[in-house]
Amino acid sequence: EAGRAFFERADRDNSGGITADEMRAAIFDRLDRNGDQLLSKRELRVMARADRFRKRAGILDRDSRDALD
């Protein structure tokens, strides 16, 4: 469900596919939490912490069901 919502937001021209420019814009928009079209050091730190958490949590997901065992 989350993947579908991301795809729909990223496919800005509703072509049924996502171009490289659309993907870059979608990722940027997701990181730019306050919508000022600039990525601050704080926004990048939040992203880095979330990424580290996902990696650590993935180690605990022994059966790949996206649930911690």
Protein backbone atom coordinates (compact mmCIF):
# COMPACT_ATOMS: atom_id res chain seq x y z
CA GLU A 1 0.00 0.00 0.00
CA ALA A 2 2.76 2.47 0.90
CA GLY A 3 4.59 1.53 -2.30
CA ARG A 4 1.50 2.23 -4.38
CA ALA A 5 1.00 5.64 -2.75
CA PHE A 6 4.66 6.54 -3.35
CA PHE A 7 4.37 5.44 -7.00
CA GLU A 8 1.27 7.57 -7.55
CA ARG A 9 2.96 10.63 -6.03
CA ALA A 10 6.18 10.05 -7.98
CA ASP A 11 4.48 9.51 -11.35
CA ARG A 12 3.79 13.22 -11.76
CA ASP A 13 2.74 13.02 -15.39
CA ASN A 14 0.53 9.94 -14.82
CA SER A 15 2.34 8.02 -17.56
CA GLY A 16 2.26 4.75 -15.65
CA GLY A 17 6.03 4.85 -15.19
CA ILE A 18 8.51 6.90 -13.19
CA THR A 19 11.31 8.75 -14.97
CA ALA A 20 14.67 9.39 -13.33
CA ASP A 21 13.72 13.05 -12.85
CA GLU A 22 10.41 12.09 -11.23
CA MET A 23 12.19 9.66 -8.89
CA ARG A 24 14.77 12.27 -7.87
CA ALA A 25 12.00 14.81 -7.22
CA ALA A 26 9.93 12.32 -5.21
CA ILE A 27 12.89 11.36 -3.03
CA PHE A 28 13.85 15.00 -2.56
CA ASP A 29 10.26 15.92 -1.62
CA ARG A 30 10.17 13.11 0.93
CA LEU A 31 13.41 14.29 2.54
CA ASP A 32 12.44 17.98 2.49
CA ARG A 33 10.20 17.76 5.55
CA ASN A 34 9.38 21.46 5.81
CA GLY A 35 8.79 21.94 2.06
CA ASP A 36 11.24 24.82 1.65
CA GLN A 37 12.94 23.17 -1.36
CA LEU A 38 16.22 22.99 0.56
CA LEU A 39 17.66 20.02 2.44
CA SER A 40 19.02 21.09 5.79
CA LYS A 41 21.65 19.23 7.78
CA ARG A 42 18.89 18.32 10.23
CA GLU A 43 16.71 16.80 7.50
CA LEU A 44 19.68 14.76 6.28
CA ARG A 45 20.47 13.60 9.84
CA VAL A 46 16.85 12.47 10.29
CA MET A 47 17.14 10.46 7.07
CA ALA A 48 20.44 8.90 8.14
CA ARG A 49 19.03 7.89 11.53
CA ALA A 50 15.95 6.35 9.92
CA ASP A 51 18.15 4.43 7.48
CA ARG A 52 20.33 3.08 10.29
CA PHE A 53 17.21 2.05 12.21
CA ARG A 54 15.79 0.22 9.17
CA LYS A 55 19.07 -1.66 8.73
CA ARG A 56 19.18 -2.64 12.39
CA ALA A 57 15.54 -3.68 12.40
CA GLY A 58 16.11 -5.74 9.26
CA ILE A 59 18.65 -7.84 11.12
CA LEU A 60 15.93 -8.75 13.63
CA ASP A 61 13.42 -9.69 10.92
CA ARG A 62 14.51 -13.29 10.59
CA ASP A 63 11.79 -14.46 8.19
CA SER A 64 11.45 -11.34 5.96
CA ARG A 65 7.80 -10.71 6.89
CA ASP A 66 8.56 -7.10 7.85
CA ALA A 67 7.95 -7.95 11.50
CA LEU A 68 10.44 -8.13 14.32
CA ASP A 69 10.69 -11.67 15.68
